[in-house]
Amino acid sequence: MASDDNYTEQTLTAINLWSPSLFSLRCSRDAGFRFTAGQFARLGVRKEDGSVVWRAYSMASAPHDEFLEFFSIVVPNGEFTSELRRLRVGDRLLVAKQAMGFLTLDRFVDGHDLWLLASGTGLAPFLSILQGLEVWQRFARVVLVYSARTAGELAYQPLIHTLMQQPHLQEYAERFAYLPLVTREQVPGCLHGRITTLLDNGELERAAGLRLEPAHSRLMICGNPQMIDDTRARLKQRGLQLSLNRRPGQVAVENYW
């Protein structure tokens, strides 16, 4: 693959349309590209005028996969997603050589229960984390909370529902709980309301069968920036603090906006 000092040029191998506004891309992976589950890469697309537009995308694929997968929303008239949406299987995608980001399990030094709180395409890094072994070896319970506006926007359902059937994860199946949330309609099998609302009224904890407690709970949050801010504020009120290098805590977020 063509490359320079900063990126490699990869080939699109699959495109999956989850809804009119959500899609995923799978591409080849350079043999030298390394990342930790939860990190992101800068992706580039060449425009027709020869210029390149770049955006950061979390890997939805696992570090052990031979391919890279990314989950995207269609931004109306957005410079990057407009270019991304015109790509077809066989086209080229630029991938920066250096993975980045700190939404990784090493943000936590301890913990018993891990909560993964996602909205929209913020699901991607958690898919990567869930497909590895480290999360299951470190935590006794793992809860994935995935919020979407409608049931039709709950992407990756086949993968999520069969996740623990993968041979290397079967022994950990009883540790996993999946809580889908839908905000704009009532859907059987899904909680109704925003993550913040269900935190306030206790419904999220009741559905998981777990209490959010600073001593045992660790939380990762990824998605809409407003959701992240509002959720962090509520968790802080309950004694759950952002985990920093100088001060280990209970909450980790990603900031690439």
C-alpha atoms as a PDB file:
ATOM      1  CA  MET A   1       0.000   0.000   0.000  1.00  0.00           C
ATOM      2  CA  ALA A   2       1.125   3.513  -0.725  1.00  0.00           C
ATOM      3  CA  SER A   3       2.240   5.469   2.306  1.00  0.00           C
ATOM      4  CA  ASP A   4       4.304   8.363   3.548  1.00  0.00           C
ATOM      5  CA  ASP A   5       5.732   9.088   6.992  1.00  0.00           C
ATOM      6  CA  ASN A   6       2.306   9.784   8.504  1.00  0.00           C
ATOM      7  CA  TYR A   7      -0.262   7.480   6.896  1.00  0.00           C
ATOM      8  CA  THR A   8      -0.846   4.333   4.879  1.00  0.00           C
ATOM      9  CA  GLU A   9      -3.306   3.898   2.062  1.00  0.00           C
ATOM     10  CA  GLN A  10      -5.805   1.094   2.655  1.00  0.00           C
ATOM     11  CA  THR A  11      -8.527  -0.527   0.543  1.00  0.00           C
ATOM     12  CA  LEU A  12     -12.209  -0.509   1.465  1.00  0.00           C
ATOM     13  CA  THR A  13     -13.451  -4.092   1.668  1.00  0.00           C
ATOM     14  CA  ALA A  14     -17.014  -3.643   2.985  1.00  0.00           C
ATOM     15  CA  ILE A  15     -19.644  -0.977   3.607  1.00  0.00           C
ATOM     16  CA  ASN A  16     -22.635  -1.652   5.860  1.00  0.00           C
ATOM     17  CA  LEU A  17     -25.658   0.670   5.929  1.00  0.00           C
ATOM     18  CA  TRP A  18     -27.323   0.410   9.338  1.00  0.00           C
ATOM     19  CA  SER A  19     -29.872   3.168   8.745  1.00  0.00           C
ATOM     20  CA  PRO A  20     -30.263   6.185   6.434  1.00  0.00           C
ATOM     21  CA  SER A  21     -27.921   8.108   8.759  1.00  0.00           C
ATOM     22  CA  LEU A  22     -25.543   5.405  10.035  1.00  0.00           C
ATOM     23  CA  PHE A  23     -22.988   3.258   8.248  1.00  0.00           C
ATOM     24  CA  SER A  24     -19.792   1.357   8.893  1.00  0.00           C
ATOM     25  CA  LEU A  25     -16.682   0.924   6.788  1.00  0.00           C
ATOM     26  CA  ARG A  26     -14.233  -1.951   6.824  1.00  0.00           C
ATOM     27  CA  CYS A  27     -10.794  -1.670   5.242  1.00  0.00           C
ATOM     28  CA  SER A  28      -7.525  -3.537   5.003  1.00  0.00           C
ATOM     29  CA  ARG A  29      -5.054  -3.097   7.844  1.00  0.00           C
ATOM     30  CA  ASP A  30      -1.389  -2.298   7.477  1.00  0.00           C
ATOM     31  CA  ALA A  31       0.765  -4.989   9.078  1.00  0.00           C
ATOM     32  CA  GLY A  32       2.527  -2.356  11.170  1.00  0.00           C
ATOM     33  CA  PHE A  33      -0.602  -0.647  12.547  1.00  0.00           C
ATOM     34  CA  ARG A  34      -1.021  -1.224  16.286  1.00  0.00           C
ATOM     35  CA  PHE A  35      -3.686   0.046  18.650  1.00  0.00           C
ATOM     36  CA  THR A  36      -5.199  -0.568  22.056  1.00  0.00           C
ATOM     37  CA  ALA A  37      -8.931  -1.329  22.239  1.00  0.00           C
ATOM     38  CA  GLY A  38     -10.753   1.970  22.716  1.00  0.00           C
ATOM     39  CA  GLN A  39      -8.342   4.124  20.706  1.00  0.00           C
ATOM     40  CA  PHE A  40      -9.046   6.050  17.502  1.00  0.00           C
ATOM     41  CA  ALA A  41      -7.293   6.747  14.216  1.00  0.00           C
ATOM     42  CA  ARG A  42      -7.322   9.736  11.898  1.00  0.00           C
ATOM     43  CA  LEU A  43      -8.906   8.804   8.568  1.00  0.00           C
ATOM     44  CA  GLY A  44      -8.345  10.712   5.353  1.00  0.00           C
ATOM     45  CA  VAL A  45     -10.294  10.851   2.097  1.00  0.00           C
ATOM     46  CA  ARG A  46      -8.976  12.410  -1.092  1.00  0.00           C
ATOM     47  CA  LYS A  47     -11.390  14.878  -2.640  1.00  0.00           C
ATOM     48  CA  GLU A  48     -11.829  15.242  -6.373  1.00  0.00           C
ATOM     49  CA  ASP A  49      -9.602  18.332  -6.333  1.00  0.00           C
ATOM     50  CA  GLY A  50      -6.750  16.276  -4.829  1.00  0.00           C
ATOM     51  CA  SER A  51      -6.936  17.728  -1.325  1.00  0.00           C
ATOM     52  CA  VAL A  52      -7.418  15.451   1.690  1.00  0.00           C
ATOM     53  CA  VAL A  53      -9.936  15.838   4.504  1.00  0.00           C
ATOM     54  CA  TRP A  54      -9.233  14.165   7.854  1.00  0.00           C
ATOM     55  CA  ARG A  55     -11.382  13.125  10.831  1.00  0.00           C
ATOM     56  CA  ALA A  56     -10.874  10.991  13.938  1.00  0.00           C
ATOM     57  CA  TYR A  57     -12.741   7.696  14.188  1.00  0.00           C
ATOM     58  CA  SER A  58     -12.602   5.061  16.911  1.00  0.00           C
ATOM     59  CA  MET A  59     -11.838   1.523  15.827  1.00  0.00           C
ATOM     60  CA  ALA A  60     -14.888  -0.722  16.138  1.00  0.00           C
ATOM     61  CA  SER A  61     -12.755  -3.726  15.245  1.00  0.00           C
ATOM     62  CA  ALA A  62     -10.674  -5.549  17.820  1.00  0.00           C
ATOM     63  CA  PRO A  63      -6.877  -5.230  18.034  1.00  0.00           C
ATOM     64  CA  HIS A  64      -6.565  -8.881  17.025  1.00  0.00           C
ATOM     65  CA  ASP A  65      -8.624  -8.454  13.818  1.00  0.00           C
ATOM     66  CA  GLU A  66      -6.810  -8.432  10.485  1.00  0.00           C
ATOM     67  CA  PHE A  67      -9.007  -5.561   9.272  1.00  0.00           C
ATOM     68  CA  LEU A  68     -10.034  -2.122  10.567  1.00  0.00           C
ATOM     69  CA  GLU A  69     -13.667  -1.113  10.989  1.00  0.00           C
ATOM     70  CA  PHE A  70     -15.142   2.320  11.663  1.00  0.00           C
ATOM     71  CA  PHE A  71     -18.676   3.481  12.526  1.00  0.00           C
ATOM     72  CA  SER A  72     -19.939   6.791  11.129  1.00  0.00           C
ATOM     73  CA  ILE A  73     -22.957   9.043  11.117  1.00  0.00           C
ATOM     74  CA  VAL A  74     -23.978  10.978   8.004  1.00  0.00           C
ATOM     75  CA  VAL A  75     -23.580  14.671   8.752  1.00  0.00           C
ATOM     76  CA  PRO A  76     -25.840  16.608   6.329  1.00  0.00           C
ATOM     77  CA  ASN A  77     -23.553  18.625   4.046  1.00  0.00           C
ATOM     78  CA  GLY A  78     -20.592  17.613   6.233  1.00  0.00           C
ATOM     79  CA  GLU A  79     -17.285  17.960   4.427  1.00  0.00           C
ATOM     80  CA  PHE A  80     -15.878  14.644   5.599  1.00  0.00           C
ATOM     81  CA  THR A  81     -18.885  12.323   5.651  1.00  0.00           C
ATOM     82  CA  SER A  82     -19.994  13.628   2.242  1.00  0.00           C
ATOM     83  CA  GLU A  83     -16.666  12.383   0.872  1.00  0.00           C
ATOM     84  CA  LEU A  84     -16.797   9.187   2.916  1.00  0.00           C
ATOM     85  CA  ARG A  85     -20.298   8.320   1.684  1.00  0.00           C
ATOM     86  CA  ARG A  86     -19.270   8.436  -1.960  1.00  0.00           C
ATOM     87  CA  LEU A  87     -16.610   5.755  -1.464  1.00  0.00           C
ATOM     88  CA  ARG A  88     -17.259   2.240  -2.726  1.00  0.00           C
ATOM     89  CA  VAL A  89     -15.683  -1.150  -2.068  1.00  0.00           C
ATOM     90  CA  GLY A  90     -12.263  -1.125  -3.699  1.00  0.00           C
ATOM     91  CA  ASP A  91     -11.677   2.588  -3.127  1.00  0.00           C
ATOM     92  CA  ARG A  92      -8.804   3.875  -0.992  1.00  0.00           C
ATOM     93  CA  LEU A  93      -8.911   5.240   2.531  1.00  0.00           C
ATOM     94  CA  LEU A  94      -5.972   6.935   4.242  1.00  0.00           C
ATOM     95  CA  VAL A  95      -5.227   5.773   7.793  1.00  0.00           C
ATOM     96  CA  ALA A  96      -2.777   7.637  10.018  1.00  0.00           C
ATOM     97  CA  LYS A  97       0.002   5.363  11.248  1.00  0.00           C
ATOM     98  CA  GLN A  98      -0.304   6.388  14.893  1.00  0.00           C
ATOM     99  CA  ALA A  99      -3.378   5.368  16.887  1.00  0.00           C
ATOM    100  CA  MET A 100      -4.442   7.866  19.542  1.00  0.00           C
ATOM    101  CA  GLY A 101      -6.785   8.250  22.493  1.00  0.00           C
ATOM    102  CA  PHE A 102      -7.140   7.380  26.151  1.00  0.00           C
ATOM    103  CA  LEU A 103     -10.532   5.634  26.350  1.00  0.00           C
ATOM    104  CA  THR A 104      -8.723   2.441  27.285  1.00  0.00           C
ATOM    105  CA  LEU A 105      -8.896   0.016  30.178  1.00  0.00           C
ATOM    106  CA  ASP A 106      -5.587   1.199  31.588  1.00  0.00           C
ATOM    107  CA  ARG A 107      -7.383   4.347  32.750  1.00  0.00           C
ATOM    108  CA  PHE A 108      -8.545   2.267  35.711  1.00  0.00           C
ATOM    109  CA  VAL A 109      -6.270   0.731  38.314  1.00  0.00           C
ATOM    110  CA  ASP A 110      -9.020  -1.375  39.892  1.00  0.00           C
ATOM    111  CA  GLY A 111     -12.771  -1.938  39.884  1.00  0.00           C
ATOM    112  CA  HIS A 112     -15.385  -4.693  39.993  1.00  0.00           C
ATOM    113  CA  ASP A 113     -18.124  -3.559  37.577  1.00  0.00           C
ATOM    114  CA  LEU A 114     -17.509  -1.811  34.252  1.00  0.00           C
ATOM    115  CA  TRP A 115     -20.246   0.300  32.669  1.00  0.00           C
ATOM    116  CA  LEU A 116     -19.878   1.280  29.001  1.00  0.00           C
ATOM    117  CA  LEU A 117     -22.245   4.183  28.252  1.00  0.00           C
ATOM    118  CA  ALA A 118     -22.631   4.931  24.529  1.00  0.00           C
ATOM    119  CA  SER A 119     -24.843   7.070  22.347  1.00  0.00           C
ATOM    120  CA  GLY A 120     -24.860   6.912  18.549  1.00  0.00           C
ATOM    121  CA  THR A 121     -21.489   6.123  16.998  1.00  0.00           C
ATOM    122  CA  GLY A 122     -19.909   6.307  20.448  1.00  0.00           C
ATOM    123  CA  LEU A 123     -20.575   2.570  20.476  1.00  0.00           C
ATOM    124  CA  ALA A 124     -17.481   1.900  18.327  1.00  0.00           C
ATOM    125  CA  PRO A 125     -14.684   1.879  20.945  1.00  0.00           C
ATOM    126  CA  PHE A 126     -16.760  -0.330  23.225  1.00  0.00           C
ATOM    127  CA  LEU A 127     -17.219  -2.932  20.495  1.00  0.00           C
ATOM    128  CA  SER A 128     -13.444  -3.075  20.246  1.00  0.00           C
ATOM    129  CA  ILE A 129     -13.026  -3.416  24.012  1.00  0.00           C
ATOM    130  CA  LEU A 130     -15.737  -6.071  24.361  1.00  0.00           C
ATOM    131  CA  GLN A 131     -14.178  -8.347  21.745  1.00  0.00           C
ATOM    132  CA  GLY A 132     -10.876  -8.613  23.615  1.00  0.00           C
ATOM    133  CA  LEU A 133     -10.013 -10.719  26.653  1.00  0.00           C
ATOM    134  CA  GLU A 134      -8.665  -8.045  28.994  1.00  0.00           C
ATOM    135  CA  VAL A 135     -12.041  -6.574  29.939  1.00  0.00           C
ATOM    136  CA  TRP A 136     -13.416  -9.995  30.941  1.00  0.00           C
ATOM    137  CA  GLN A 137     -10.322 -10.927  32.897  1.00  0.00           C
ATOM    138  CA  ARG A 138     -10.347  -7.657  34.845  1.00  0.00           C
ATOM    139  CA  PHE A 139     -14.054  -7.115  35.629  1.00  0.00           C
ATOM    140  CA  ALA A 140     -16.649  -9.385  37.213  1.00  0.00           C
ATOM    141  CA  ARG A 141     -19.553  -7.623  35.456  1.00  0.00           C
ATOM    142  CA  VAL A 142     -19.633  -5.599  32.237  1.00  0.00           C
ATOM    143  CA  VAL A 143     -22.714  -3.570  31.280  1.00  0.00           C
ATOM    144  CA  LEU A 144     -23.101  -2.084  27.796  1.00  0.00           C
ATOM    145  CA  VAL A 145     -25.645   0.750  27.660  1.00  0.00           C
ATOM    146  CA  TYR A 146     -26.383   1.848  24.089  1.00  0.00           C
ATOM    147  CA  SER A 147     -28.677   4.818  23.448  1.00  0.00           C
ATOM    148  CA  ALA A 148     -30.297   5.664  20.105  1.00  0.00           C
ATOM    149  CA  ARG A 149     -33.230   7.776  19.014  1.00  0.00           C
ATOM    150  CA  THR A 150     -35.157   4.905  17.415  1.00  0.00           C
ATOM    151  CA  ALA A 151     -34.888   1.125  17.283  1.00  0.00           C
ATOM    152  CA  GLY A 152     -33.790   1.426  13.652  1.00  0.00           C
ATOM    153  CA  GLU A 153     -30.709   3.344  14.789  1.00  0.00           C
ATOM    154  CA  LEU A 154     -29.507   0.621  17.155  1.00  0.00           C
ATOM    155  CA  ALA A 155     -26.623  -0.580  15.000  1.00  0.00           C
ATOM    156  CA  TYR A 156     -24.475  -3.704  15.373  1.00  0.00           C
ATOM    157  CA  GLN A 157     -27.252  -5.711  17.024  1.00  0.00           C
ATOM    158  CA  PRO A 158     -26.194  -9.048  15.450  1.00  0.00           C
ATOM    159  CA  LEU A 159     -22.656  -8.622  16.793  1.00  0.00           C
ATOM    160  CA  ILE A 160     -23.796  -7.531  20.258  1.00  0.00           C
ATOM    161  CA  HIS A 161     -26.314 -10.342  20.659  1.00  0.00           C
ATOM    162  CA  THR A 162     -23.842 -13.033  19.564  1.00  0.00           C
ATOM    163  CA  LEU A 163     -20.779 -11.472  21.187  1.00  0.00           C
ATOM    164  CA  MET A 164     -20.486 -13.948  24.016  1.00  0.00           C
ATOM    165  CA  GLN A 165     -20.911 -16.898  21.659  1.00  0.00           C
ATOM    166  CA  GLN A 166     -17.454 -16.262  20.259  1.00  0.00           C
ATOM    167  CA  PRO A 167     -15.249 -19.188  21.323  1.00  0.00           C
ATOM    168  CA  HIS A 168     -12.761 -17.096  23.295  1.00  0.00           C
ATOM    169  CA  LEU A 169     -15.550 -15.322  25.235  1.00  0.00           C
ATOM    170  CA  GLN A 170     -18.005 -18.123  25.999  1.00  0.00           C
ATOM    171  CA  GLU A 171     -16.695 -18.746  29.507  1.00  0.00           C
ATOM    172  CA  TYR A 172     -17.397 -15.116  30.422  1.00  0.00           C
ATOM    173  CA  ALA A 173     -20.980 -14.989  29.073  1.00  0.00           C
ATOM    174  CA  GLU A 174     -22.629 -14.610  32.496  1.00  0.00           C
ATOM    175  CA  ARG A 175     -20.613 -11.451  33.160  1.00  0.00           C
ATOM    176  CA  PHE A 176     -22.214  -9.457  30.317  1.00  0.00           C
ATOM    177  CA  ALA A 177     -25.392  -7.383  30.352  1.00  0.00           C
ATOM    178  CA  TYR A 178     -26.681  -5.384  27.385  1.00  0.00           C
ATOM    179  CA  LEU A 179     -29.142  -2.536  27.941  1.00  0.00           C
ATOM    180  CA  PRO A 180     -30.392  -0.855  24.747  1.00  0.00           C
ATOM    181  CA  LEU A 181     -32.092   2.521  25.226  1.00  0.00           C
ATOM    182  CA  VAL A 182     -34.435   4.235  22.780  1.00  0.00           C
ATOM    183  CA  THR A 183     -35.366   7.860  23.398  1.00  0.00           C
ATOM    184  CA  ARG A 184     -38.087   8.671  20.850  1.00  0.00           C
ATOM    185  CA  GLU A 185     -40.316   5.605  20.867  1.00  0.00           C
ATOM    186  CA  GLN A 186     -41.424   2.740  23.077  1.00  0.00           C
ATOM    187  CA  VAL A 187     -39.754  -0.488  21.942  1.00  0.00           C
ATOM    188  CA  PRO A 188     -40.217  -3.929  23.508  1.00  0.00           C
ATOM    189  CA  GLY A 189     -36.990  -5.141  25.062  1.00  0.00           C
ATOM    190  CA  CYS A 190     -35.501  -1.632  25.259  1.00  0.00           C
ATOM    191  CA  LEU A 191     -35.446   0.934  28.023  1.00  0.00           C
ATOM    192  CA  HIS A 192     -37.152   4.212  27.161  1.00  0.00           C
ATOM    193  CA  GLY A 193     -35.453   7.536  27.880  1.00  0.00           C
ATOM    194  CA  ARG A 194     -32.106   9.239  27.898  1.00  0.00           C
ATOM    195  CA  ILE A 195     -29.142   7.864  29.797  1.00  0.00           C
ATOM    196  CA  THR A 196     -29.259  10.832  32.165  1.00  0.00           C
ATOM    197  CA  THR A 197     -32.981  10.349  32.884  1.00  0.00           C
ATOM    198  CA  LEU A 198     -32.492   6.667  33.658  1.00  0.00           C
ATOM    199  CA  LEU A 199     -29.571   7.507  35.923  1.00  0.00           C
ATOM    200  CA  ASP A 200     -31.698  10.049  37.774  1.00  0.00           C
ATOM    201  CA  ASN A 201     -34.653   7.717  38.361  1.00  0.00           C
ATOM    202  CA  GLY A 202     -32.550   4.642  39.117  1.00  0.00           C
ATOM    203  CA  GLU A 203     -33.987   2.604  36.253  1.00  0.00           C
ATOM    204  CA  LEU A 204     -30.568   1.975  34.693  1.00  0.00           C
ATOM    205  CA  GLU A 205     -29.217   0.416  37.864  1.00  0.00           C
ATOM    206  CA  ARG A 206     -32.375  -1.643  38.397  1.00  0.00           C
ATOM    207  CA  ALA A 207     -32.184  -3.009  34.861  1.00  0.00           C
ATOM    208  CA  ALA A 208     -28.515  -3.977  35.310  1.00  0.00           C
ATOM    209  CA  GLY A 209     -29.033  -5.322  38.808  1.00  0.00           C
ATOM    210  CA  LEU A 210     -26.069  -3.267  39.990  1.00  0.00           C
ATOM    211  CA  ARG A 211     -25.508  -0.162  42.073  1.00  0.00           C
ATOM    212  CA  LEU A 212     -23.241   2.632  40.933  1.00  0.00           C
ATOM    213  CA  GLU A 213     -20.733   2.986  43.756  1.00  0.00           C
ATOM    214  CA  PRO A 214     -17.299   4.681  43.741  1.00  0.00           C
ATOM    215  CA  ALA A 215     -15.660   1.679  45.396  1.00  0.00           C
ATOM    216  CA  HIS A 216     -16.743  -0.863  42.793  1.00  0.00           C
ATOM    217  CA  SER A 217     -18.027   0.892  39.648  1.00  0.00           C
ATOM    218  CA  ARG A 218     -15.951   2.086  36.702  1.00  0.00           C
ATOM    219  CA  LEU A 219     -17.544   3.907  33.772  1.00  0.00           C
ATOM    220  CA  MET A 220     -16.540   4.753  30.221  1.00  0.00           C
ATOM    221  CA  ILE A 221     -18.619   7.287  28.303  1.00  0.00           C
ATOM    222  CA  CYS A 222     -18.552   7.957  24.550  1.00  0.00           C
ATOM    223  CA  GLY A 223     -21.006   9.697  22.240  1.00  0.00           C
ATOM    224  CA  ASN A 224     -22.662  13.055  21.916  1.00  0.00           C
ATOM    225  CA  PRO A 225     -20.588  15.714  23.763  1.00  0.00           C
ATOM    226  CA  GLN A 226     -23.661  17.051  25.571  1.00  0.00           C
ATOM    227  CA  MET A 227     -24.552  13.545  26.772  1.00  0.00           C
ATOM    228  CA  ILE A 228     -21.005  13.103  28.048  1.00  0.00           C
ATOM    229  CA  ASP A 229     -21.063  16.402  29.936  1.00  0.00           C
ATOM    230  CA  ASP A 230     -24.517  15.809  31.443  1.00  0.00           C
ATOM    231  CA  THR A 231     -23.686  12.238  32.463  1.00  0.00           C
ATOM    232  CA  ARG A 232     -20.364  13.241  33.998  1.00  0.00           C
ATOM    233  CA  ALA A 233     -22.088  15.913  36.070  1.00  0.00           C
ATOM    234  CA  ARG A 234     -24.553  13.393  37.500  1.00  0.00           C
ATOM    235  CA  LEU A 235     -21.834  10.859  38.249  1.00  0.00           C
ATOM    236  CA  LYS A 236     -19.744  13.513  39.976  1.00  0.00           C
ATOM    237  CA  GLN A 237     -22.653  14.260  42.294  1.00  0.00           C
ATOM    238  CA  ARG A 238     -22.525  10.602  43.309  1.00  0.00           C
ATOM    239  CA  GLY A 239     -18.808  10.636  44.047  1.00  0.00           C
ATOM    240  CA  LEU A 240     -17.658   9.137  40.741  1.00  0.00           C
ATOM    241  CA  GLN A 241     -14.737  11.246  39.507  1.00  0.00           C
ATOM    242  CA  LEU A 242     -12.881  11.529  36.223  1.00  0.00           C
ATOM    243  CA  SER A 243      -9.798   9.317  36.172  1.00  0.00           C
ATOM    244  CA  LEU A 244      -6.618  11.328  35.574  1.00  0.00           C
ATOM    245  CA  ASN A 245      -2.951  10.384  35.477  1.00  0.00           C
ATOM    246  CA  ARG A 246      -2.320  12.217  38.719  1.00  0.00           C
ATOM    247  CA  ARG A 247      -5.548  11.013  40.343  1.00  0.00           C
ATOM    248  CA  PRO A 248      -7.043   7.602  39.538  1.00  0.00           C
ATOM    249  CA  GLY A 249     -10.824   7.776  39.424  1.00  0.00           C
ATOM    250  CA  GLN A 250     -13.939   5.966  38.299  1.00  0.00           C
ATOM    251  CA  VAL A 251     -14.865   7.665  34.987  1.00  0.00           C
ATOM    252  CA  ALA A 252     -13.152   7.808  31.587  1.00  0.00           C
ATOM    253  CA  VAL A 253     -14.262   9.775  28.512  1.00  0.00           C
ATOM    254  CA  GLU A 254     -12.887  10.438  25.059  1.00  0.00           C
ATOM    255  CA  ASN A 255     -12.372  13.944  23.719  1.00  0.00           C
ATOM    256  CA  TYR A 256     -11.788  14.136  19.971  1.00  0.00           C
ATOM    257  CA  TRP A 257     -14.321  16.791  19.131  1.00  0.00           C
END
